[in-house]
Amino acid sequence: MLQSWSLGRIAVTLGAKAPAATSVEAIPEAAPEPTLSYLTQVIKPKRRRFLEPAPKRASAKEHAEKLLEWICSNIDLSDGPITHAAIQEFYCEMLIEAGWKERPWNPVACEFRRLTTGSRKVYAWLETNTGAVHRLRVYPIPRLAVGATAKGQNSVQMRSAA
């Protein structure tokens, strides 16, 4: 009883009298010329991940500068310093308007503090809607920044020049 089958280029025959070794079929001398449709189906261009450099993401400092400009141009600052919670809300609105992606808040808040109050954090006793008085984190917006954005100049350059 002989059994034979082929595995690609190798033909195998097993039986009582046949050896267990395999025989190799002859390889054709020249492969047929591939057609254009064959090439487009089989050979696909390699996809490279980084053909163009990724767009530069704005730094936390740029976010803080833009937030300060946005607050000076859109918010009435006659009520006094702005609370930390209000600044976070303004940040979300500024991101929507500018079309930027959100950055982690802590680095942005740190840069915003450097722009507005320098190295110190400012707290104030404020009355809430319920009538209770709490010590809250506030950001006093400097008058120089308000004047600079009103004139159409960059507030950060004006603040650092002073």
N, C-alpha and C. Protein backbone atom coordinates (compact mmCIF):
# COMPACT_ATOMS: atom_id res chain seq x y z
N MET A 1 0.84 -1.17 0.00
CA MET A 1 0.00 0.00 0.00
C MET A 1 0.90 1.24 0.00
N LEU A 2 0.80 1.99 -1.06
CA LEU A 2 1.61 3.19 -1.22
C LEU A 2 0.74 4.42 -0.99
N GLN A 3 1.29 5.34 -0.26
CA GLN A 3 0.62 6.64 -0.09
C GLN A 3 1.58 7.72 -0.56
N SER A 4 1.06 8.66 -1.31
CA SER A 4 1.93 9.75 -1.75
C SER A 4 1.14 11.06 -1.71
N TRP A 5 1.81 12.08 -1.40
CA TRP A 5 1.24 13.43 -1.41
C TRP A 5 2.37 14.43 -1.61
N SER A 6 2.02 15.64 -1.97
CA SER A 6 3.06 16.64 -2.18
C SER A 6 2.81 17.82 -1.25
N LEU A 7 3.88 18.34 -0.74
CA LEU A 7 3.85 19.52 0.13
C LEU A 7 4.64 20.62 -0.56
N GLY A 8 3.98 21.37 -1.37
CA GLY A 8 4.68 22.43 -2.10
C GLY A 8 5.66 21.84 -3.08
N ARG A 9 6.94 22.01 -2.84
CA ARG A 9 7.98 21.51 -3.73
C ARG A 9 8.42 20.08 -3.37
N ILE A 10 8.00 19.57 -2.25
CA ILE A 10 8.45 18.27 -1.79
C ILE A 10 7.34 17.25 -2.01
N ALA A 11 7.71 16.15 -2.65
CA ALA A 11 6.76 15.06 -2.85
C ALA A 11 7.15 13.92 -1.93
N VAL A 12 6.18 13.41 -1.19
CA VAL A 12 6.46 12.37 -0.21
C VAL A 12 5.72 11.11 -0.62
N THR A 13 6.43 9.96 -0.58
CA THR A 13 5.83 8.67 -0.88
C THR A 13 6.16 7.73 0.27
N LEU A 14 5.13 7.13 0.88
CA LEU A 14 5.32 6.20 1.98
C LEU A 14 4.70 4.86 1.62
N GLY A 15 5.33 3.83 1.94
CA GLY A 15 4.79 2.50 1.69
C GLY A 15 5.73 1.44 2.22
N ALA A 16 5.34 0.16 2.01
CA ALA A 16 6.13 -0.95 2.53
C ALA A 16 7.48 -1.04 1.84
N LYS A 17 7.50 -0.88 0.52
CA LYS A 17 8.74 -1.00 -0.22
C LYS A 17 9.41 0.34 -0.49
N ALA A 18 8.66 1.43 -0.39
CA ALA A 18 9.22 2.74 -0.70
C ALA A 18 10.01 3.25 0.48
N PRO A 19 11.12 3.93 0.22
CA PRO A 19 11.89 4.50 1.32
C PRO A 19 11.12 5.66 1.97
N ALA A 20 11.44 5.93 3.21
CA ALA A 20 10.78 7.01 3.93
C ALA A 20 11.34 8.38 3.56
N ALA A 21 12.35 8.41 2.73
CA ALA A 21 12.95 9.69 2.34
C ALA A 21 12.03 10.45 1.39
N THR A 22 12.27 11.72 1.25
CA THR A 22 11.47 12.56 0.37
C THR A 22 12.24 12.85 -0.90
N SER A 23 11.51 13.10 -1.94
CA SER A 23 12.16 13.50 -3.19
C SER A 23 11.75 14.91 -3.53
N VAL A 24 12.67 15.67 -4.08
CA VAL A 24 12.41 17.07 -4.38
C VAL A 24 12.07 17.19 -5.86
N GLU A 25 10.98 17.91 -6.11
CA GLU A 25 10.59 18.16 -7.50
C GLU A 25 11.53 19.19 -8.10
N ALA A 26 11.63 19.18 -9.36
CA ALA A 26 12.50 20.13 -10.04
C ALA A 26 11.91 21.53 -9.97
N ILE A 27 12.77 22.50 -9.73
CA ILE A 27 12.36 23.90 -9.66
C ILE A 27 12.44 24.45 -11.07
N PRO A 28 11.40 25.15 -11.53
CA PRO A 28 11.45 25.70 -12.88
C PRO A 28 12.61 26.69 -13.02
N GLU A 29 13.22 26.71 -14.21
CA GLU A 29 14.39 27.54 -14.45
C GLU A 29 14.08 29.02 -14.35
N ALA A 30 13.00 29.48 -14.94
CA ALA A 30 12.65 30.90 -14.91
C ALA A 30 11.21 31.04 -14.45
N ALA A 31 11.02 31.93 -13.51
CA ALA A 31 9.66 32.19 -13.03
C ALA A 31 8.93 33.00 -14.08
N PRO A 32 7.63 32.80 -14.18
CA PRO A 32 6.88 33.60 -15.16
C PRO A 32 6.91 35.08 -14.78
N GLU A 33 6.84 35.95 -15.76
CA GLU A 33 6.85 37.39 -15.51
C GLU A 33 5.58 37.80 -14.77
N PRO A 34 5.71 38.52 -13.67
CA PRO A 34 4.51 38.96 -12.96
C PRO A 34 3.82 40.08 -13.73
N THR A 35 2.52 40.07 -13.69
CA THR A 35 1.74 41.11 -14.36
C THR A 35 1.52 42.27 -13.41
N LEU A 36 1.09 43.39 -13.93
CA LEU A 36 0.88 44.58 -13.12
C LEU A 36 -0.22 44.36 -12.09
N SER A 37 -1.30 43.68 -12.46
CA SER A 37 -2.37 43.44 -11.51
C SER A 37 -1.89 42.55 -10.37
N TYR A 38 -0.99 41.60 -10.69
CA TYR A 38 -0.44 40.73 -9.66
C TYR A 38 0.41 41.55 -8.69
N LEU A 39 1.22 42.44 -9.23
CA LEU A 39 2.07 43.26 -8.37
C LEU A 39 1.26 44.16 -7.45
N THR A 40 0.19 44.74 -7.95
CA THR A 40 -0.60 45.64 -7.10
C THR A 40 -1.37 44.88 -6.04
N GLN A 41 -1.67 43.61 -6.29
CA GLN A 41 -2.37 42.83 -5.29
C GLN A 41 -1.43 42.27 -4.24
N VAL A 42 -0.25 41.87 -4.65
CA VAL A 42 0.66 41.19 -3.74
C VAL A 42 1.60 42.16 -3.04
N ILE A 43 2.22 43.05 -3.80
CA ILE A 43 3.20 43.96 -3.22
C ILE A 43 2.50 45.24 -2.81
N LYS A 44 2.45 45.46 -1.53
CA LYS A 44 1.82 46.68 -1.00
C LYS A 44 2.92 47.59 -0.48
N PRO A 45 2.76 48.88 -0.65
CA PRO A 45 3.79 49.77 -0.14
C PRO A 45 3.84 49.72 1.38
N LYS A 46 5.06 49.82 1.90
CA LYS A 46 5.21 49.80 3.35
C LYS A 46 4.64 51.09 3.93
N ARG A 47 3.92 50.93 4.99
CA ARG A 47 3.31 52.09 5.64
C ARG A 47 4.27 52.58 6.72
N ARG A 48 4.67 53.78 6.59
CA ARG A 48 5.58 54.34 7.58
C ARG A 48 4.78 55.20 8.55
N ARG A 49 5.14 55.09 9.78
CA ARG A 49 4.37 55.79 10.81
C ARG A 49 4.61 57.29 10.80
N PHE A 50 5.83 57.69 10.59
CA PHE A 50 6.15 59.10 10.75
C PHE A 50 6.71 59.67 9.45
N LEU A 51 5.87 59.79 8.45
CA LEU A 51 6.30 60.41 7.21
C LEU A 51 6.49 61.90 7.40
N GLU A 52 5.59 62.52 8.14
CA GLU A 52 5.68 63.95 8.43
C GLU A 52 5.85 64.11 9.93
N PRO A 53 6.57 65.12 10.36
CA PRO A 53 6.70 65.31 11.80
C PRO A 53 5.34 65.65 12.41
N ALA A 54 5.15 65.17 13.61
CA ALA A 54 3.89 65.42 14.30
C ALA A 54 3.78 66.92 14.58
N PRO A 55 2.56 67.47 14.56
CA PRO A 55 2.43 68.89 14.84
C PRO A 55 2.87 69.19 16.27
N LYS A 56 3.52 70.33 16.43
CA LYS A 56 4.03 70.71 17.74
C LYS A 56 2.87 70.99 18.67
N ARG A 57 2.92 70.38 19.82
CA ARG A 57 1.88 70.58 20.83
C ARG A 57 2.28 71.79 21.67
N ALA A 58 1.32 72.65 21.94
CA ALA A 58 1.61 73.85 22.72
C ALA A 58 2.03 73.46 24.14
N SER A 59 3.03 74.15 24.66
CA SER A 59 3.53 73.85 26.00
C SER A 59 2.58 74.40 27.05
N ALA A 60 2.83 74.03 28.29
CA ALA A 60 2.01 74.52 29.40
C ALA A 60 2.15 76.04 29.52
N LYS A 61 3.34 76.55 29.24
CA LYS A 61 3.54 78.01 29.32
C LYS A 61 2.72 78.72 28.24
N GLU A 62 2.69 78.15 27.03
CA GLU A 62 1.88 78.75 25.97
C GLU A 62 0.40 78.70 26.31
N HIS A 63 -0.04 77.61 26.94
CA HIS A 63 -1.43 77.52 27.37
C HIS A 63 -1.74 78.59 28.42
N ALA A 64 -0.81 78.78 29.37
CA ALA A 64 -1.03 79.79 30.41
C ALA A 64 -1.07 81.19 29.82
N GLU A 65 -0.18 81.48 28.88
CA GLU A 65 -0.17 82.80 28.25
C GLU A 65 -1.47 83.04 27.48
N LYS A 66 -1.92 82.04 26.75
CA LYS A 66 -3.17 82.17 25.99
C LYS A 66 -4.35 82.33 26.93
N LEU A 67 -4.32 81.60 28.06
CA LEU A 67 -5.40 81.72 29.04
C LEU A 67 -5.45 83.12 29.63
N LEU A 68 -4.30 83.69 29.93
CA LEU A 68 -4.26 85.05 30.47
C LEU A 68 -4.79 86.05 29.44
N GLU A 69 -4.39 85.91 28.19
CA GLU A 69 -4.91 86.78 27.14
C GLU A 69 -6.43 86.63 27.00
N TRP A 70 -6.90 85.39 27.04
CA TRP A 70 -8.33 85.12 26.88
C TRP A 70 -9.12 85.74 28.03
N ILE A 71 -8.62 85.61 29.25
CA ILE A 71 -9.32 86.18 30.41
C ILE A 71 -9.35 87.70 30.32
N CYS A 72 -8.22 88.30 29.94
CA CYS A 72 -8.17 89.76 29.85
C CYS A 72 -9.11 90.30 28.79
N SER A 73 -9.32 89.55 27.72
CA SER A 73 -10.17 90.05 26.64
C SER A 73 -11.64 89.68 26.81
N ASN A 74 -11.97 88.62 27.54
CA ASN A 74 -13.36 88.15 27.60
C ASN A 74 -14.03 88.30 28.95
N ILE A 75 -13.30 88.53 30.02
CA ILE A 75 -13.88 88.54 31.37
C ILE A 75 -13.77 89.94 31.97
N ASP A 76 -14.85 90.35 32.65
CA ASP A 76 -14.84 91.64 33.36
C ASP A 76 -14.03 91.46 34.64
N LEU A 77 -12.92 92.19 34.74
CA LEU A 77 -12.03 92.03 35.88
C LEU A 77 -12.28 93.05 36.99
N SER A 78 -13.37 93.78 36.91
CA SER A 78 -13.64 94.80 37.93
C SER A 78 -14.10 94.19 39.24
N ASP A 79 -14.49 92.91 39.23
CA ASP A 79 -14.95 92.27 40.47
C ASP A 79 -13.81 91.87 41.39
N GLY A 80 -12.59 91.97 40.95
CA GLY A 80 -11.46 91.60 41.79
C GLY A 80 -10.81 90.31 41.33
N PRO A 81 -10.10 89.65 42.23
CA PRO A 81 -9.38 88.43 41.83
C PRO A 81 -10.34 87.30 41.44
N ILE A 82 -9.83 86.40 40.63
CA ILE A 82 -10.63 85.29 40.12
C ILE A 82 -10.25 84.03 40.87
N THR A 83 -11.23 83.23 41.27
CA THR A 83 -10.96 82.02 42.03
C THR A 83 -10.37 80.93 41.13
N HIS A 84 -9.79 79.98 41.79
CA HIS A 84 -9.16 78.85 41.09
C HIS A 84 -10.18 78.06 40.28
N ALA A 85 -11.35 77.83 40.84
CA ALA A 85 -12.40 77.07 40.13
C ALA A 85 -12.85 77.82 38.87
N ALA A 86 -12.96 79.14 38.97
CA ALA A 86 -13.37 79.93 37.80
C ALA A 86 -12.28 79.88 36.72
N ILE A 87 -11.02 79.90 37.13
CA ILE A 87 -9.92 79.83 36.15
C ILE A 87 -9.98 78.51 35.39
N GLN A 88 -10.29 77.42 36.08
CA GLN A 88 -10.39 76.12 35.42
C GLN A 88 -11.53 76.11 34.40
N GLU A 89 -12.64 76.74 34.73
CA GLU A 89 -13.76 76.84 33.77
C GLU A 89 -13.36 77.69 32.57
N PHE A 90 -12.66 78.79 32.82
CA PHE A 90 -12.21 79.65 31.73
C PHE A 90 -11.22 78.91 30.83
N TYR A 91 -10.40 78.06 31.43
CA TYR A 91 -9.44 77.28 30.66
C TYR A 91 -10.15 76.35 29.67
N CYS A 92 -11.21 75.69 30.13
CA CYS A 92 -11.98 74.81 29.24
C CYS A 92 -12.61 75.61 28.10
N GLU A 93 -13.16 76.79 28.39
CA GLU A 93 -13.76 77.62 27.35
C GLU A 93 -12.69 78.11 26.36
N MET A 94 -11.52 78.48 26.87
CA MET A 94 -10.44 78.95 26.01
C MET A 94 -9.98 77.84 25.07
N LEU A 95 -9.90 76.60 25.58
CA LEU A 95 -9.48 75.48 24.74
C LEU A 95 -10.47 75.25 23.60
N ILE A 96 -11.74 75.36 23.89
CA ILE A 96 -12.77 75.17 22.85
C ILE A 96 -12.64 76.25 21.79
N GLU A 97 -12.48 77.49 22.23
CA GLU A 97 -12.35 78.60 21.28
C GLU A 97 -11.09 78.50 20.43
N ALA A 98 -9.98 78.14 21.07
CA ALA A 98 -8.70 78.08 20.35
C ALA A 98 -8.55 76.79 19.55
N GLY A 99 -9.33 75.76 19.88
CA GLY A 99 -9.22 74.48 19.19
C GLY A 99 -7.98 73.70 19.59
N TRP A 100 -7.51 73.91 20.80
CA TRP A 100 -6.33 73.22 21.30
C TRP A 100 -6.73 71.98 22.08
N LYS A 101 -5.77 71.05 22.20
CA LYS A 101 -5.98 69.88 23.05
C LYS A 101 -5.63 70.25 24.48
N GLU A 102 -6.35 69.65 25.39
CA GLU A 102 -6.15 69.95 26.81
C GLU A 102 -4.82 69.38 27.29
N ARG A 103 -4.16 70.14 28.14
CA ARG A 103 -2.95 69.67 28.81
C ARG A 103 -3.29 69.41 30.27
N PRO A 104 -2.46 68.66 30.97
CA PRO A 104 -2.72 68.47 32.40
C PRO A 104 -2.79 69.81 33.12
N TRP A 105 -3.73 69.94 34.04
CA TRP A 105 -4.00 71.24 34.65
C TRP A 105 -2.85 71.71 35.54
N ASN A 106 -2.21 70.83 36.30
CA ASN A 106 -1.19 71.28 37.26
C ASN A 106 -0.05 72.05 36.61
N PRO A 107 0.54 71.60 35.51
CA PRO A 107 1.60 72.42 34.88
C PRO A 107 1.08 73.75 34.33
N VAL A 108 -0.13 73.74 33.80
CA VAL A 108 -0.71 74.99 33.28
C VAL A 108 -0.95 75.96 34.44
N ALA A 109 -1.49 75.44 35.55
CA ALA A 109 -1.75 76.30 36.71
C ALA A 109 -0.45 76.86 37.28
N CYS A 110 0.60 76.07 37.28
CA CYS A 110 1.90 76.53 37.77
C CYS A 110 2.42 77.68 36.91
N GLU A 111 2.34 77.53 35.60
CA GLU A 111 2.79 78.60 34.69
C GLU A 111 1.89 79.82 34.80
N PHE A 112 0.59 79.61 34.98
CA PHE A 112 -0.34 80.73 35.13
C PHE A 112 -0.04 81.51 36.42
N ARG A 113 0.30 80.78 37.48
CA ARG A 113 0.67 81.43 38.74
C ARG A 113 1.93 82.26 38.55
N ARG A 114 2.90 81.75 37.80
CA ARG A 114 4.13 82.52 37.55
C ARG A 114 3.84 83.80 36.77
N LEU A 115 2.87 83.75 35.87
CA LEU A 115 2.52 84.94 35.09
C LEU A 115 1.76 85.97 35.91
N THR A 116 0.94 85.51 36.84
CA THR A 116 0.06 86.45 37.55
C THR A 116 0.62 86.90 38.90
N THR A 117 1.11 85.97 39.71
CA THR A 117 1.53 86.34 41.07
C THR A 117 2.99 86.06 41.35
N GLY A 118 3.71 85.55 40.38
CA GLY A 118 5.12 85.23 40.61
C GLY A 118 5.25 83.89 41.29
N SER A 119 6.08 83.82 42.32
CA SER A 119 6.36 82.53 42.96
C SER A 119 5.42 82.22 44.12
N ARG A 120 4.59 83.16 44.52
CA ARG A 120 3.73 82.91 45.69
C ARG A 120 2.29 82.62 45.27
N LYS A 121 1.63 81.84 46.11
CA LYS A 121 0.22 81.56 45.89
C LYS A 121 -0.58 82.57 46.73
N VAL A 122 -1.68 83.02 46.20
CA VAL A 122 -2.49 84.04 46.88
C VAL A 122 -3.82 83.41 47.28
N TYR A 123 -4.19 83.63 48.54
CA TYR A 123 -5.46 83.14 49.07
C TYR A 123 -6.24 84.34 49.59
N ALA A 124 -7.56 84.21 49.59
CA ALA A 124 -8.40 85.30 50.11
C ALA A 124 -9.61 84.68 50.79
N TRP A 125 -10.13 85.41 51.78
CA TRP A 125 -11.36 84.99 52.45
C TRP A 125 -12.53 85.52 51.63
N LEU A 126 -13.30 84.60 51.06
CA LEU A 126 -14.41 84.98 50.20
C LEU A 126 -15.70 84.34 50.69
N GLU A 127 -16.78 85.08 50.50
CA GLU A 127 -18.10 84.56 50.86
C GLU A 127 -18.66 83.78 49.68
N THR A 128 -19.14 82.58 49.94
CA THR A 128 -19.69 81.73 48.88
C THR A 128 -21.18 82.04 48.70
N ASN A 129 -21.82 81.33 47.79
CA ASN A 129 -23.25 81.54 47.54
C ASN A 129 -24.11 81.22 48.74
N THR A 130 -23.67 80.32 49.58
CA THR A 130 -24.45 79.93 50.76
C THR A 130 -24.27 80.90 51.91
N GLY A 131 -23.36 81.83 51.80
CA GLY A 131 -23.14 82.80 52.85
C GLY A 131 -21.97 82.44 53.75
N ALA A 132 -21.41 81.27 53.59
CA ALA A 132 -20.25 80.87 54.39
C ALA A 132 -18.99 81.53 53.85
N VAL A 133 -18.06 81.80 54.75
CA VAL A 133 -16.81 82.43 54.37
C VAL A 133 -15.72 81.35 54.34
N HIS A 134 -15.00 81.28 53.21
CA HIS A 134 -13.94 80.29 53.05
C HIS A 134 -12.67 80.96 52.54
N ARG A 135 -11.56 80.36 52.88
CA ARG A 135 -10.28 80.83 52.36
C ARG A 135 -10.03 80.09 51.05
N LEU A 136 -10.05 80.82 49.93
CA LEU A 136 -9.95 80.22 48.61
C LEU A 136 -8.71 80.72 47.88
N ARG A 137 -8.24 79.89 46.99
CA ARG A 137 -7.11 80.25 46.13
C ARG A 137 -7.62 81.20 45.06
N VAL A 138 -6.96 82.34 44.90
CA VAL A 138 -7.38 83.34 43.92
C VAL A 138 -6.18 83.74 43.06
N TYR A 139 -6.50 84.25 41.88
CA TYR A 139 -5.50 84.75 40.95
C TYR A 139 -5.81 86.22 40.66
N PRO A 140 -5.06 87.15 41.24
CA PRO A 140 -5.25 88.54 40.84
C PRO A 140 -4.61 88.77 39.47
N ILE A 141 -5.39 89.24 38.52
CA ILE A 141 -4.87 89.49 37.17
C ILE A 141 -4.19 90.86 37.20
N PRO A 142 -2.91 90.95 36.87
CA PRO A 142 -2.20 92.22 36.95
C PRO A 142 -2.75 93.25 35.97
N ARG A 143 -2.78 94.49 36.38
CA ARG A 143 -3.27 95.59 35.53
C ARG A 143 -2.42 95.72 34.27
N LEU A 144 -1.14 95.48 34.39
CA LEU A 144 -0.24 95.59 33.24
C LEU A 144 -0.64 94.60 32.15
N ALA A 145 -1.06 93.40 32.54
CA ALA A 145 -1.48 92.39 31.56
C ALA A 145 -2.77 92.83 30.87
N VAL A 146 -3.68 93.46 31.62
CA VAL A 146 -4.94 93.92 31.04
C VAL A 146 -4.67 95.03 30.03
N GLY A 147 -3.80 95.97 30.38
CA GLY A 147 -3.47 97.06 29.47
C GLY A 147 -2.75 96.59 28.23
N ALA A 148 -1.89 95.61 28.38
CA ALA A 148 -1.11 95.12 27.24
C ALA A 148 -2.00 94.42 26.23
N THR A 149 -2.97 93.63 26.69
CA THR A 149 -3.84 92.95 25.74
C THR A 149 -4.83 93.92 25.11
N ALA A 150 -5.16 94.97 25.82
CA ALA A 150 -6.05 95.97 25.24
C ALA A 150 -5.35 96.70 24.09
N LYS A 151 -4.03 96.88 24.20
CA LYS A 151 -3.27 97.55 23.14
C LYS A 151 -2.92 96.59 22.01
N GLY A 152 -3.22 95.29 22.18
CA GLY A 152 -2.92 94.32 21.14
C GLY A 152 -1.52 93.75 21.22
N GLN A 153 -0.83 93.95 22.36
CA GLN A 153 0.51 93.43 22.51
C GLN A 153 0.45 92.16 23.35
N ASN A 154 1.50 91.41 23.32
CA ASN A 154 1.57 90.18 24.10
C ASN A 154 1.75 90.54 25.57
N SER A 155 0.88 90.04 26.42
CA SER A 155 0.91 90.40 27.84
C SER A 155 2.15 89.88 28.53
N VAL A 156 2.67 88.76 28.11
CA VAL A 156 3.82 88.18 28.77
C VAL A 156 5.05 89.03 28.51
N GLN A 157 5.23 89.53 27.30
CA GLN A 157 6.38 90.36 27.01
C GLN A 157 6.31 91.66 27.79
N MET A 158 5.14 92.23 27.93
CA MET A 158 4.99 93.47 28.68
C MET A 158 5.28 93.23 30.16
N ARG A 159 4.86 92.08 30.69
CA ARG A 159 5.06 91.81 32.11
C ARG A 159 6.54 91.58 32.39
N SER A 160 7.23 90.88 31.51
CA SER A 160 8.64 90.60 31.75
C SER A 160 9.49 91.87 31.54
N ALA A 161 9.02 92.81 30.75
CA ALA A 161 9.78 94.05 30.51
C ALA A 161 9.73 94.96 31.72
N ALA A 162 8.72 94.82 32.54
CA ALA A 162 8.57 95.74 33.67
C ALA A 162 9.49 95.44 34.81
